[in-house]
Amino acid sequence: MDEIIAFIEQNLSSVKVSEILTTFSYSRTSLERDFKKVVGYTPKEFIQTLRFYKVSKELVHNGYDYKSLGYDFFDQSHMNRAFKKFVNVLPSKFQAYIKENSIKIYQNK
């Protein structure tokens, strides 16, 4: 699973589960079962969660521009829906809240 996780992280902006299946010669059922056993999420859920994390970090540090984020969003409304799924608020409101309250977000990586 470490190789698959590294592959996802390296290709996060556009990785698809089908690409993982081909690259690592897995069936969808086996990959989902094995991945969920180790990670706690299906590969698709993991990719969405990791993208959300990266997008939210970028919003806080660099502003609100879905095109420059580069995480495979078709348009702004697609990113808004994905973001709202995780925190039930639009990215612009999230960013405003962070700014108004002078919240700092730190990361080790």
PDB file of N, CA and C in Angstrom:
ATOM      1  N   MET A   1       0.818  -1.201   0.000  1.00  0.00           N
ATOM      2  CA  MET A   1       0.000   0.000   0.000  1.00  0.00           C
ATOM      3  C   MET A   1       0.860   1.263   0.000  1.00  0.00           C
ATOM      4  N   ASP A   2       2.049   1.184   0.570  1.00  0.00           N
ATOM      5  CA  ASP A   2       2.914   2.368   0.594  1.00  0.00           C
ATOM      6  C   ASP A   2       3.205   2.886  -0.812  1.00  0.00           C
ATOM      7  N   GLU A   3       3.428   1.962  -1.752  1.00  0.00           N
ATOM      8  CA  GLU A   3       3.702   2.371  -3.135  1.00  0.00           C
ATOM      9  C   GLU A   3       2.482   3.040  -3.761  1.00  0.00           C
ATOM     10  N   ILE A   4       1.305   2.514  -3.471  1.00  0.00           N
ATOM     11  CA  ILE A   4       0.077   3.090  -4.022  1.00  0.00           C
ATOM     12  C   ILE A   4      -0.174   4.474  -3.434  1.00  0.00           C
ATOM     13  N   ILE A   5       0.027   4.615  -2.141  1.00  0.00           N
ATOM     14  CA  ILE A   5      -0.153   5.925  -1.495  1.00  0.00           C
ATOM     15  C   ILE A   5       0.842   6.933  -2.057  1.00  0.00           C
ATOM     16  N   ALA A   6       2.088   6.522  -2.248  1.00  0.00           N
ATOM     17  CA  ALA A   6       3.096   7.412  -2.831  1.00  0.00           C
ATOM     18  C   ALA A   6       2.697   7.805  -4.257  1.00  0.00           C
ATOM     19  N   PHE A   7       2.175   6.853  -5.021  1.00  0.00           N
ATOM     20  CA  PHE A   7       1.707   7.123  -6.385  1.00  0.00           C
ATOM     21  C   PHE A   7       0.580   8.150  -6.368  1.00  0.00           C
ATOM     22  N   ILE A   8      -0.355   7.989  -5.452  1.00  0.00           N
ATOM     23  CA  ILE A   8      -1.467   8.937  -5.333  1.00  0.00           C
ATOM     24  C   ILE A   8      -0.938  10.328  -5.000  1.00  0.00           C
ATOM     25  N   GLU A   9      -0.046  10.414  -4.028  1.00  0.00           N
ATOM     26  CA  GLU A   9       0.492  11.715  -3.626  1.00  0.00           C
ATOM     27  C   GLU A   9       1.262  12.386  -4.758  1.00  0.00           C
ATOM     28  N   GLN A  10       2.007  11.610  -5.545  1.00  0.00           N
ATOM     29  CA  GLN A  10       2.794  12.169  -6.646  1.00  0.00           C
ATOM     30  C   GLN A  10       1.919  12.632  -7.808  1.00  0.00           C
ATOM     31  N   ASN A  11       0.756  12.005  -7.963  1.00  0.00           N
ATOM     32  CA  ASN A  11      -0.124  12.299  -9.095  1.00  0.00           C
ATOM     33  C   ASN A  11      -1.462  12.868  -8.646  1.00  0.00           C
ATOM     34  N   LEU A  12      -1.493  13.483  -7.497  1.00  0.00           N
ATOM     35  CA  LEU A  12      -2.747  13.899  -6.873  1.00  0.00           C
ATOM     36  C   LEU A  12      -3.599  14.800  -7.750  1.00  0.00           C
ATOM     37  N   SER A  13      -2.980  15.645  -8.523  1.00  0.00           N
ATOM     38  CA  SER A  13      -3.763  16.606  -9.291  1.00  0.00           C
ATOM     39  C   SER A  13      -4.680  15.946 -10.312  1.00  0.00           C
ATOM     40  N   SER A  14      -4.356  14.724 -10.758  1.00  0.00           N
ATOM     41  CA  SER A  14      -5.188  14.115 -11.796  1.00  0.00           C
ATOM     42  C   SER A  14      -5.366  12.604 -11.671  1.00  0.00           C
ATOM     43  N   VAL A  15      -4.929  12.003 -10.586  1.00  0.00           N
ATOM     44  CA  VAL A  15      -4.989  10.539 -10.460  1.00  0.00           C
ATOM     45  C   VAL A  15      -6.437  10.045 -10.400  1.00  0.00           C
ATOM     46  N   LYS A  16      -6.663   8.919 -11.051  1.00  0.00           N
ATOM     47  CA  LYS A  16      -7.967   8.252 -11.043  1.00  0.00           C
ATOM     48  C   LYS A  16      -7.772   6.835 -10.515  1.00  0.00           C
ATOM     49  N   VAL A  17      -8.799   6.272  -9.926  1.00  0.00           N
ATOM     50  CA  VAL A  17      -8.726   4.914  -9.411  1.00  0.00           C
ATOM     51  C   VAL A  17      -8.406   3.938 -10.545  1.00  0.00           C
ATOM     52  N   SER A  18      -8.972   4.160 -11.706  1.00  0.00           N
ATOM     53  CA  SER A  18      -8.709   3.266 -12.844  1.00  0.00           C
ATOM     54  C   SER A  18      -7.219   3.237 -13.199  1.00  0.00           C
ATOM     55  N   GLU A  19      -6.552   4.358 -13.048  1.00  0.00           N
ATOM     56  CA  GLU A  19      -5.111   4.431 -13.307  1.00  0.00           C
ATOM     57  C   GLU A  19      -4.337   3.602 -12.278  1.00  0.00           C
ATOM     58  N   ILE A  20      -4.774   3.637 -11.034  1.00  0.00           N
ATOM     59  CA  ILE A  20      -4.143   2.844  -9.982  1.00  0.00           C
ATOM     60  C   ILE A  20      -4.321   1.352 -10.278  1.00  0.00           C
ATOM     61  N   LEU A  21      -5.522   0.980 -10.708  1.00  0.00           N
ATOM     62  CA  LEU A  21      -5.805  -0.421 -11.027  1.00  0.00           C
ATOM     63  C   LEU A  21      -4.863  -0.935 -12.111  1.00  0.00           C
ATOM     64  N   THR A  22      -4.679  -0.143 -13.138  1.00  0.00           N
ATOM     65  CA  THR A  22      -3.806  -0.529 -14.251  1.00  0.00           C
ATOM     66  C   THR A  22      -2.343  -0.567 -13.829  1.00  0.00           C
ATOM     67  N   THR A  23      -1.902   0.465 -13.160  1.00  0.00           N
ATOM     68  CA  THR A  23      -0.496   0.586 -12.774  1.00  0.00           C
ATOM     69  C   THR A  23      -0.067  -0.522 -11.818  1.00  0.00           C
ATOM     70  N   PHE A  24      -0.946  -0.891 -10.905  1.00  0.00           N
ATOM     71  CA  PHE A  24      -0.570  -1.872  -9.883  1.00  0.00           C
ATOM     72  C   PHE A  24      -1.236  -3.240 -10.071  1.00  0.00           C
ATOM     73  N   SER A  25      -1.852  -3.458 -11.218  1.00  0.00           N
ATOM     74  CA  SER A  25      -2.477  -4.754 -11.558  1.00  0.00           C
ATOM     75  C   SER A  25      -3.396  -5.278 -10.460  1.00  0.00           C
ATOM     76  N   TYR A  26      -4.323  -4.453 -10.062  1.00  0.00           N
ATOM     77  CA  TYR A  26      -5.314  -4.797  -9.042  1.00  0.00           C
ATOM     78  C   TYR A  26      -6.690  -4.872  -9.680  1.00  0.00           C
ATOM     79  N   SER A  27      -7.555  -5.676  -9.125  1.00  0.00           N
ATOM     80  CA  SER A  27      -8.970  -5.582  -9.479  1.00  0.00           C
ATOM     81  C   SER A  27      -9.561  -4.514  -8.565  1.00  0.00           C
ATOM     82  N   ARG A  28     -10.655  -3.907  -8.991  1.00  0.00           N
ATOM     83  CA  ARG A  28     -11.277  -2.846  -8.197  1.00  0.00           C
ATOM     84  C   ARG A  28     -11.660  -3.359  -6.801  1.00  0.00           C
ATOM     85  N   THR A  29     -12.270  -4.533  -6.752  1.00  0.00           N
ATOM     86  CA  THR A  29     -12.724  -5.092  -5.468  1.00  0.00           C
ATOM     87  C   THR A  29     -11.551  -5.345  -4.523  1.00  0.00           C
ATOM     88  N   SER A  30     -10.490  -5.954  -5.044  1.00  0.00           N
ATOM     89  CA  SER A  30      -9.322  -6.247  -4.204  1.00  0.00           C
ATOM     90  C   SER A  30      -8.641  -4.971  -3.717  1.00  0.00           C
ATOM     91  N   LEU A  31      -8.503  -4.001  -4.617  1.00  0.00           N
ATOM     92  CA  LEU A  31      -7.869  -2.745  -4.229  1.00  0.00           C
ATOM     93  C   LEU A  31      -8.676  -2.054  -3.136  1.00  0.00           C
ATOM     94  N   GLU A  32      -9.982  -1.952  -3.330  1.00  0.00           N
ATOM     95  CA  GLU A  32     -10.810  -1.271  -2.334  1.00  0.00           C
ATOM     96  C   GLU A  32     -10.753  -1.987  -0.992  1.00  0.00           C
ATOM     97  N   ARG A  33     -10.828  -3.302  -1.012  1.00  0.00           N
ATOM     98  CA  ARG A  33     -10.786  -4.079   0.232  1.00  0.00           C
ATOM     99  C   ARG A  33      -9.436  -3.912   0.940  1.00  0.00           C
ATOM    100  N   ASP A  34      -8.347  -4.128   0.208  1.00  0.00           N
ATOM    101  CA  ASP A  34      -7.006  -4.044   0.807  1.00  0.00           C
ATOM    102  C   ASP A  34      -6.673  -2.621   1.253  1.00  0.00           C
ATOM    103  N   PHE A  35      -7.020  -1.651   0.432  1.00  0.00           N
ATOM    104  CA  PHE A  35      -6.728  -0.254   0.747  1.00  0.00           C
ATOM    105  C   PHE A  35      -7.495   0.176   1.991  1.00  0.00           C
ATOM    106  N   LYS A  36      -8.774  -0.167   2.037  1.00  0.00           N
ATOM    107  CA  LYS A  36      -9.601   0.225   3.185  1.00  0.00           C
ATOM    108  C   LYS A  36      -9.123  -0.447   4.465  1.00  0.00           C
ATOM    109  N   LYS A  37      -8.648  -1.668   4.362  1.00  0.00           N
ATOM    110  CA  LYS A  37      -8.139  -2.390   5.532  1.00  0.00           C
ATOM    111  C   LYS A  37      -6.917  -1.671   6.130  1.00  0.00           C
ATOM    112  N   VAL A  38      -6.063  -1.154   5.268  1.00  0.00           N
ATOM    113  CA  VAL A  38      -4.828  -0.504   5.717  1.00  0.00           C
ATOM    114  C   VAL A  38      -5.042   0.978   6.037  1.00  0.00           C
ATOM    115  N   VAL A  39      -5.744   1.687   5.160  1.00  0.00           N
ATOM    116  CA  VAL A  39      -5.852   3.144   5.268  1.00  0.00           C
ATOM    117  C   VAL A  39      -7.115   3.584   6.009  1.00  0.00           C
ATOM    118  N   GLY A  40      -8.178   2.802   5.891  1.00  0.00           N
ATOM    119  CA  GLY A  40      -9.433   3.181   6.534  1.00  0.00           C
ATOM    120  C   GLY A  40     -10.410   3.855   5.589  1.00  0.00           C
ATOM    121  N   TYR A  41      -9.978   4.105   4.363  1.00  0.00           N
ATOM    122  CA  TYR A  41     -10.799   4.710   3.320  1.00  0.00           C
ATOM    123  C   TYR A  41     -10.650   3.884   2.048  1.00  0.00           C
ATOM    124  N   THR A  42     -11.611   4.016   1.143  1.00  0.00           N
ATOM    125  CA  THR A  42     -11.414   3.469  -0.193  1.00  0.00           C
ATOM    126  C   THR A  42     -10.421   4.382  -0.913  1.00  0.00           C
ATOM    127  N   PRO A  43      -9.820   3.921  -1.998  1.00  0.00           N
ATOM    128  CA  PRO A  43      -8.896   4.809  -2.723  1.00  0.00           C
ATOM    129  C   PRO A  43      -9.560   6.115  -3.158  1.00  0.00           C
ATOM    130  N   LYS A  44     -10.787   6.049  -3.640  1.00  0.00           N
ATOM    131  CA  LYS A  44     -11.481   7.260  -4.083  1.00  0.00           C
ATOM    132  C   LYS A  44     -11.697   8.228  -2.916  1.00  0.00           C
ATOM    133  N   GLU A  45     -12.119   7.717  -1.768  1.00  0.00           N
ATOM    134  CA  GLU A  45     -12.319   8.566  -0.588  1.00  0.00           C
ATOM    135  C   GLU A  45     -10.997   9.187  -0.148  1.00  0.00           C
ATOM    136  N   PHE A  46      -9.926   8.395  -0.205  1.00  0.00           N
ATOM    137  CA  PHE A  46      -8.602   8.884   0.183  1.00  0.00           C
ATOM    138  C   PHE A  46      -8.155  10.013  -0.739  1.00  0.00           C
ATOM    139  N   ILE A  47      -8.334   9.822  -2.047  1.00  0.00           N
ATOM    140  CA  ILE A  47      -7.963  10.854  -3.021  1.00  0.00           C
ATOM    141  C   ILE A  47      -8.762  12.125  -2.771  1.00  0.00           C
ATOM    142  N   GLN A  48     -10.062  11.996  -2.565  1.00  0.00           N
ATOM    143  CA  GLN A  48     -10.907  13.173  -2.313  1.00  0.00           C
ATOM    144  C   GLN A  48     -10.488  13.885  -1.031  1.00  0.00           C
ATOM    145  N   THR A  49     -10.193  13.122   0.000  1.00  0.00           N
ATOM    146  CA  THR A  49      -9.784  13.712   1.278  1.00  0.00           C
ATOM    147  C   THR A  49      -8.455  14.442   1.143  1.00  0.00           C
ATOM    148  N   LEU A  50      -7.516  13.815   0.468  1.00  0.00           N
ATOM    149  CA  LEU A  50      -6.206  14.434   0.282  1.00  0.00           C
ATOM    150  C   LEU A  50      -6.315  15.699  -0.572  1.00  0.00           C
ATOM    151  N   ARG A  51      -7.142  15.652  -1.606  1.00  0.00           N
ATOM    152  CA  ARG A  51      -7.357  16.852  -2.427  1.00  0.00           C
ATOM    153  C   ARG A  51      -7.999  17.965  -1.608  1.00  0.00           C
ATOM    154  N   PHE A  52      -8.969  17.608  -0.777  1.00  0.00           N
ATOM    155  CA  PHE A  52      -9.601  18.618   0.074  1.00  0.00           C
ATOM    156  C   PHE A  52      -8.555  19.280   0.972  1.00  0.00           C
ATOM    157  N   TYR A  53      -7.717  18.466   1.572  1.00  0.00           N
ATOM    158  CA  TYR A  53      -6.683  18.998   2.456  1.00  0.00           C
ATOM    159  C   TYR A  53      -5.783  19.979   1.699  1.00  0.00           C
ATOM    160  N   LYS A  54      -5.330  19.578   0.523  1.00  0.00           N
ATOM    161  CA  LYS A  54      -4.437  20.435  -0.260  1.00  0.00           C
ATOM    162  C   LYS A  54      -5.141  21.723  -0.696  1.00  0.00           C
ATOM    163  N   VAL A  55      -6.384  21.604  -1.138  1.00  0.00           N
ATOM    164  CA  VAL A  55      -7.141  22.782  -1.567  1.00  0.00           C
ATOM    165  C   VAL A  55      -7.365  23.730  -0.403  1.00  0.00           C
ATOM    166  N   SER A  56      -7.756  23.204   0.751  1.00  0.00           N
ATOM    167  CA  SER A  56      -8.014  24.080   1.895  1.00  0.00           C
ATOM    168  C   SER A  56      -6.737  24.783   2.337  1.00  0.00           C
ATOM    169  N   LYS A  57      -5.615  24.090   2.297  1.00  0.00           N
ATOM    170  CA  LYS A  57      -4.336  24.708   2.638  1.00  0.00           C
ATOM    171  C   LYS A  57      -3.994  25.822   1.647  1.00  0.00           C
ATOM    172  N   GLU A  58      -4.187  25.552   0.368  1.00  0.00           N
ATOM    173  CA  GLU A  58      -3.921  26.569  -0.657  1.00  0.00           C
ATOM    174  C   GLU A  58      -4.840  27.782  -0.504  1.00  0.00           C
ATOM    175  N   LEU A  59      -6.106  27.531  -0.184  1.00  0.00           N
ATOM    176  CA  LEU A  59      -7.044  28.640   0.009  1.00  0.00           C
ATOM    177  C   LEU A  59      -6.581  29.565   1.120  1.00  0.00           C
ATOM    178  N   VAL A  60      -6.119  28.970   2.184  1.00  0.00           N
ATOM    179  CA  VAL A  60      -5.689  29.760   3.330  1.00  0.00           C
ATOM    180  C   VAL A  60      -4.434  30.568   2.989  1.00  0.00           C
ATOM    181  N   HIS A  61      -3.505  29.933   2.322  1.00  0.00           N
ATOM    182  CA  HIS A  61      -2.221  30.584   2.082  1.00  0.00           C
ATOM    183  C   HIS A  61      -2.161  31.447   0.820  1.00  0.00           C
ATOM    184  N   ASN A  62      -2.903  31.068  -0.213  1.00  0.00           N
ATOM    185  CA  ASN A  62      -2.713  31.732  -1.500  1.00  0.00           C
ATOM    186  C   ASN A  62      -3.968  32.318  -2.120  1.00  0.00           C
ATOM    187  N   GLY A  63      -5.096  32.198  -1.479  1.00  0.00           N
ATOM    188  CA  GLY A  63      -6.306  32.780  -2.026  1.00  0.00           C
ATOM    189  C   GLY A  63      -7.170  31.802  -2.795  1.00  0.00           C
ATOM    190  N   TYR A  64      -8.260  32.326  -3.297  1.00  0.00           N
ATOM    191  CA  TYR A  64      -9.316  31.530  -3.890  1.00  0.00           C
ATOM    192  C   TYR A  64      -9.278  31.603  -5.412  1.00  0.00           C
ATOM    193  N   ASP A  65      -8.656  30.618  -6.036  1.00  0.00           N
ATOM    194  CA  ASP A  65      -8.626  30.536  -7.491  1.00  0.00           C
ATOM    195  C   ASP A  65      -8.515  29.070  -7.874  1.00  0.00           C
ATOM    196  N   TYR A  66      -9.660  28.445  -8.180  1.00  0.00           N
ATOM    197  CA  TYR A  66      -9.669  27.005  -8.409  1.00  0.00           C
ATOM    198  C   TYR A  66      -8.774  26.596  -9.580  1.00  0.00           C
ATOM    199  N   LYS A  67      -8.623  27.433 -10.586  1.00  0.00           N
ATOM    200  CA  LYS A  67      -7.807  27.074 -11.749  1.00  0.00           C
ATOM    201  C   LYS A  67      -6.336  26.927 -11.383  1.00  0.00           C
ATOM    202  N   SER A  68      -5.854  27.808 -10.536  1.00  0.00           N
ATOM    203  CA  SER A  68      -4.439  27.747 -10.177  1.00  0.00           C
ATOM    204  C   SER A  68      -4.142  26.610  -9.191  1.00  0.00           C
ATOM    205  N   LEU A  69      -5.178  26.077  -8.549  1.00  0.00           N
ATOM    206  CA  LEU A  69      -4.961  25.003  -7.586  1.00  0.00           C
ATOM    207  C   LEU A  69      -4.538  23.705  -8.272  1.00  0.00           C
ATOM    208  N   GLY A  70      -5.081  23.430  -9.438  1.00  0.00           N
ATOM    209  CA  GLY A  70      -4.643  22.290 -10.222  1.00  0.00           C
ATOM    210  C   GLY A  70      -4.976  20.932  -9.646  1.00  0.00           C
ATOM    211  N   TYR A  71      -6.124  20.764  -9.037  1.00  0.00           N
ATOM    212  CA  TYR A  71      -6.482  19.465  -8.465  1.00  0.00           C
ATOM    213  C   TYR A  71      -7.657  18.829  -9.187  1.00  0.00           C
ATOM    214  N   ASP A  72      -7.651  18.900 -10.514  1.00  0.00           N
ATOM    215  CA  ASP A  72      -8.607  18.192 -11.360  1.00  0.00           C
ATOM    216  C   ASP A  72     -10.054  18.596 -11.115  1.00  0.00           C
ATOM    217  N   PHE A  73     -10.298  19.893 -10.929  1.00  0.00           N
ATOM    218  CA  PHE A  73     -11.667  20.390 -10.830  1.00  0.00           C
ATOM    219  C   PHE A  73     -12.076  20.916 -12.199  1.00  0.00           C
ATOM    220  N   PHE A  74     -13.271  20.542 -12.646  1.00  0.00           N
ATOM    221  CA  PHE A  74     -13.750  20.958 -13.964  1.00  0.00           C
ATOM    222  C   PHE A  74     -14.020  22.448 -14.007  1.00  0.00           C
ATOM    223  N   ASP A  75     -14.590  22.960 -12.941  1.00  0.00           N
ATOM    224  CA  ASP A  75     -14.905  24.376 -12.870  1.00  0.00           C
ATOM    225  C   ASP A  75     -15.053  24.756 -11.399  1.00  0.00           C
ATOM    226  N   GLN A  76     -15.339  26.018 -11.171  1.00  0.00           N
ATOM    227  CA  GLN A  76     -15.431  26.517  -9.799  1.00  0.00           C
ATOM    228  C   GLN A  76     -16.562  25.853  -9.025  1.00  0.00           C
ATOM    229  N   SER A  77     -17.690  25.602  -9.659  1.00  0.00           N
ATOM    230  CA  SER A  77     -18.812  24.983  -8.942  1.00  0.00           C
ATOM    231  C   SER A  77     -18.476  23.542  -8.541  1.00  0.00           C
ATOM    232  N   HIS A  78     -17.675  22.857  -9.359  1.00  0.00           N
ATOM    233  CA  HIS A  78     -17.230  21.501  -9.008  1.00  0.00           C
ATOM    234  C   HIS A  78     -16.370  21.538  -7.746  1.00  0.00           C
ATOM    235  N   MET A  79     -15.447  22.491  -7.693  1.00  0.00           N
ATOM    236  CA  MET A  79     -14.609  22.628  -6.500  1.00  0.00           C
ATOM    237  C   MET A  79     -15.455  23.015  -5.290  1.00  0.00           C
ATOM    238  N   ASN A  80     -16.408  23.922  -5.495  1.00  0.00           N
ATOM    239  CA  ASN A  80     -17.267  24.351  -4.385  1.00  0.00           C
ATOM    240  C   ASN A  80     -18.035  23.164  -3.801  1.00  0.00           C
ATOM    241  N   ARG A  81     -18.591  22.315  -4.668  1.00  0.00           N
ATOM    242  CA  ARG A  81     -19.340  21.142  -4.195  1.00  0.00           C
ATOM    243  C   ARG A  81     -18.433  20.188  -3.430  1.00  0.00           C
ATOM    244  N   ALA A  82     -17.241  19.938  -3.963  1.00  0.00           N
ATOM    245  CA  ALA A  82     -16.295  19.038  -3.298  1.00  0.00           C
ATOM    246  C   ALA A  82     -15.897  19.602  -1.935  1.00  0.00           C
ATOM    247  N   PHE A  83     -15.639  20.892  -1.889  1.00  0.00           N
ATOM    248  CA  PHE A  83     -15.230  21.533  -0.640  1.00  0.00           C
ATOM    249  C   PHE A  83     -16.371  21.494   0.376  1.00  0.00           C
ATOM    250  N   LYS A  84     -17.562  21.820  -0.094  1.00  0.00           N
ATOM    251  CA  LYS A  84     -18.728  21.865   0.793  1.00  0.00           C
ATOM    252  C   LYS A  84     -19.048  20.484   1.366  1.00  0.00           C
ATOM    253  N   LYS A  85     -18.746  19.437   0.623  1.00  0.00           N
ATOM    254  CA  LYS A  85     -18.963  18.064   1.088  1.00  0.00           C
ATOM    255  C   LYS A  85     -18.205  17.806   2.393  1.00  0.00           C
ATOM    256  N   PHE A  86     -17.022  18.372   2.524  1.00  0.00           N
ATOM    257  CA  PHE A  86     -16.189  18.113   3.693  1.00  0.00           C
ATOM    258  C   PHE A  86     -16.503  19.006   4.880  1.00  0.00           C
ATOM    259  N   VAL A  87     -16.769  20.280   4.643  1.00  0.00           N
ATOM    260  CA  VAL A  87     -16.951  21.206   5.772  1.00  0.00           C
ATOM    261  C   VAL A  87     -18.289  21.931   5.770  1.00  0.00           C
ATOM    262  N   ASN A  88     -19.126  21.613   4.782  1.00  0.00           N
ATOM    263  CA  ASN A  88     -20.475  22.185   4.693  1.00  0.00           C
ATOM    264  C   ASN A  88     -20.474  23.712   4.654  1.00  0.00           C
ATOM    265  N   VAL A  89     -19.454  24.249   4.004  1.00  0.00           N
ATOM    266  CA  VAL A  89     -19.370  25.695   3.803  1.00  0.00           C
ATOM    267  C   VAL A  89     -18.620  25.936   2.489  1.00  0.00           C
ATOM    268  N   LEU A  90     -18.925  27.021   1.818  1.00  0.00           N
ATOM    269  CA  LEU A  90     -18.239  27.330   0.565  1.00  0.00           C
ATOM    270  C   LEU A  90     -16.794  27.761   0.831  1.00  0.00           C
ATOM    271  N   PRO A  91     -15.901  27.519  -0.122  1.00  0.00           N
ATOM    272  CA  PRO A  91     -14.497  27.900   0.069  1.00  0.00           C
ATOM    273  C   PRO A  91     -14.308  29.375   0.389  1.00  0.00           C
ATOM    274  N   SER A  92     -15.084  30.243  -0.245  1.00  0.00           N
ATOM    275  CA  SER A  92     -14.927  31.677   0.011  1.00  0.00           C
ATOM    276  C   SER A  92     -15.277  32.027   1.460  1.00  0.00           C
ATOM    277  N   LYS A  93     -16.299  31.393   2.010  1.00  0.00           N
ATOM    278  CA  LYS A  93     -16.664  31.640   3.414  1.00  0.00           C
ATOM    279  C   LYS A  93     -15.605  31.069   4.357  1.00  0.00           C
ATOM    280  N   PHE A  94     -15.069  29.911   4.008  1.00  0.00           N
ATOM    281  CA  PHE A  94     -13.991  29.302   4.792  1.00  0.00           C
ATOM    282  C   PHE A  94     -12.788  30.238   4.828  1.00  0.00           C
ATOM    283  N   GLN A  95     -12.409  30.724   3.663  1.00  0.00           N
ATOM    284  CA  GLN A  95     -11.263  31.618   3.576  1.00  0.00           C
ATOM    285  C   GLN A  95     -11.511  32.909   4.359  1.00  0.00           C
ATOM    286  N   ALA A  96     -12.707  33.458   4.251  1.00  0.00           N
ATOM    287  CA  ALA A  96     -13.037  34.693   4.985  1.00  0.00           C
ATOM    288  C   ALA A  96     -12.968  34.472   6.488  1.00  0.00           C
ATOM    289  N   TYR A  97     -13.469  33.331   6.940  1.00  0.00           N
ATOM    290  CA  TYR A  97     -13.443  33.020   8.380  1.00  0.00           C
ATOM    291  C   TYR A  97     -11.996  32.926   8.873  1.00  0.00           C
ATOM    292  N   ILE A  98     -11.153  32.261   8.108  1.00  0.00           N
ATOM    293  CA  ILE A  98      -9.740  32.125   8.481  1.00  0.00           C
ATOM    294  C   ILE A  98      -9.095  33.507   8.571  1.00  0.00           C
ATOM    295  N   LYS A  99      -9.371  34.345   7.584  1.00  0.00           N
ATOM    296  CA  LYS A  99      -8.776  35.679   7.538  1.00  0.00           C
ATOM    297  C   LYS A  99      -9.285  36.576   8.667  1.00  0.00           C
ATOM    298  N   GLU A 100     -10.604  36.577   8.883  1.00  0.00           N
ATOM    299  CA  GLU A 100     -11.201  37.426   9.918  1.00  0.00           C
ATOM    300  C   GLU A 100     -10.710  37.073  11.314  1.00  0.00           C
ATOM    301  N   ASN A 101     -10.431  35.790  11.537  1.00  0.00           N
ATOM    302  CA  ASN A 101     -10.023  35.343  12.857  1.00  0.00           C
ATOM    303  C   ASN A 101      -8.522  35.146  12.989  1.00  0.00           C
ATOM    304  N   SER A 102      -7.783  35.568  11.990  1.00  0.00           N
ATOM    305  CA  SER A 102      -6.319  35.465  11.979  1.00  0.00           C
ATOM    306  C   SER A 102      -5.836  34.068  12.372  1.00  0.00           C
ATOM    307  N   ILE A 103      -6.453  33.057  11.804  1.00  0.00           N
ATOM    308  CA  ILE A 103      -6.085  31.673  12.096  1.00  0.00           C
ATOM    309  C   ILE A 103      -4.878  31.303  11.253  1.00  0.00           C
ATOM    310  N   LYS A 104      -3.898  30.697  11.873  1.00  0.00           N
ATOM    311  CA  LYS A 104      -2.693  30.239  11.181  1.00  0.00           C
ATOM    312  C   LYS A 104      -2.765  28.724  11.052  1.00  0.00           C
ATOM    313  N   ILE A 105      -2.418  28.233   9.882  1.00  0.00           N
ATOM    314  CA  ILE A 105      -2.398  26.798   9.651  1.00  0.00           C
ATOM    315  C   ILE A 105      -0.978  26.392   9.338  1.00  0.00           C
ATOM    316  N   TYR A 106      -0.475  25.432  10.094  1.00  0.00           N
ATOM    317  CA  TYR A 106       0.894  24.960   9.929  1.00  0.00           C
ATOM    318  C   TYR A 106       0.874  23.520   9.466  1.00  0.00           C
ATOM    319  N   GLN A 107       1.946  23.123   8.816  1.00  0.00           N
ATOM    320  CA  GLN A 107       2.057  21.769   8.294  1.00  0.00           C
ATOM    321  C   GLN A 107       3.518  21.343   8.362  1.00  0.00           C
ATOM    322  N   ASN A 108       3.736  20.053   8.660  1.00  0.00           N
ATOM    323  CA  ASN A 108       5.091  19.538   8.718  1.00  0.00           C
ATOM    324  C   ASN A 108       5.692  19.300   7.339  1.00  0.00           C
ATOM    325  N   LYS A 109       4.890  18.851   6.383  1.00  0.00           N
ATOM    326  CA  LYS A 109       5.406  18.546   5.039  1.00  0.00           C
ATOM    327  C   LYS A 109       5.450  19.768   4.187  1.00  0.00           C
TER     328      LYS A 109
END
